């Protein structure tokens, strides 16, 4: 899933994804280099992270 799809899925801004996703434990995968690089996230990783966030500690 790309950055925009992740932002929609988590109901956050695209800027939040770029700034905070890796800090909270969502691992981005970068394809390419420089300004044209594409950032993707594995759907299974995102779903596991969401389950982890919603489970009581």
Protein backbone atom coordinates (compact mmCIF):
# COMPACT_ATOMS: atom_id res chain seq x y z
CA UNK A 1 0.00 0.00 0.00
CA UNK A 2 1.33 3.44 -0.81
CA UNK A 3 1.53 6.47 1.47
CA UNK A 4 -1.84 7.89 0.41
CA UNK A 5 -3.60 4.54 0.88
CA UNK A 6 -2.02 4.14 4.32
CA UNK A 7 -3.10 7.64 5.33
CA UNK A 8 -6.68 6.87 4.28
CA UNK A 9 -6.64 3.47 6.01
CA UNK A 10 -5.39 4.97 9.30
CA UNK A 11 -7.45 8.16 8.92
CA UNK A 12 -4.38 10.38 9.25
CA UNK A 13 -2.73 12.91 6.97
CA UNK A 14 -0.16 12.02 4.33
CA UNK A 15 2.27 14.32 6.15
CA UNK A 16 1.79 12.26 9.33
CA UNK A 17 2.70 9.09 7.42
CA UNK A 18 5.92 10.63 6.11
CA UNK A 19 6.85 12.14 9.47
CA UNK A 20 5.67 9.62 12.07
CA UNK A 21 4.99 6.18 10.58
CA UNK A 22 8.49 4.81 11.04
CA UNK A 23 8.69 6.32 14.54
CA UNK A 24 5.58 4.42 15.70
CA UNK A 25 6.70 1.09 14.25
CA UNK A 26 5.39 0.99 10.69
CA UNK A 27 8.27 -0.12 8.48
CA UNK A 28 8.42 1.67 5.12
CA UNK A 29 9.90 0.02 2.06
CA UNK A 30 11.62 2.44 -0.32
CA UNK A 31 11.83 1.74 -4.04
CA UNK A 32 14.15 3.96 -6.04
CA UNK A 33 16.22 6.88 -4.88
CA UNK A 34 16.04 10.62 -4.58
CA UNK A 35 12.85 12.58 -5.09
CA UNK A 36 11.35 9.91 -7.33
CA UNK A 37 11.55 7.18 -4.67
CA UNK A 38 8.33 5.35 -3.94
CA UNK A 39 7.48 4.40 -0.37
CA UNK A 40 5.28 1.36 0.22
CA UNK A 41 4.04 -0.49 3.28
CA UNK A 42 3.17 -4.19 3.52
CA UNK A 43 -0.53 -4.65 4.16
CA UNK A 44 0.11 -7.50 6.61
CA UNK A 45 2.53 -5.28 8.59
CA UNK A 46 0.00 -2.45 8.74
CA UNK A 47 -2.81 -4.76 9.84
CA UNK A 48 -0.61 -6.33 12.53
CA UNK A 49 0.37 -2.85 13.78
CA UNK A 50 -3.30 -1.79 13.95
CA UNK A 51 -4.20 -4.93 15.92
CA UNK A 52 -1.30 -4.28 18.28
CA UNK A 53 -2.47 -0.70 18.87
CA UNK A 54 -6.05 -1.70 19.60
CA UNK A 55 -5.28 -4.61 21.93
CA UNK A 56 -5.41 -3.79 25.66
CA UNK A 57 -2.03 -3.75 27.40
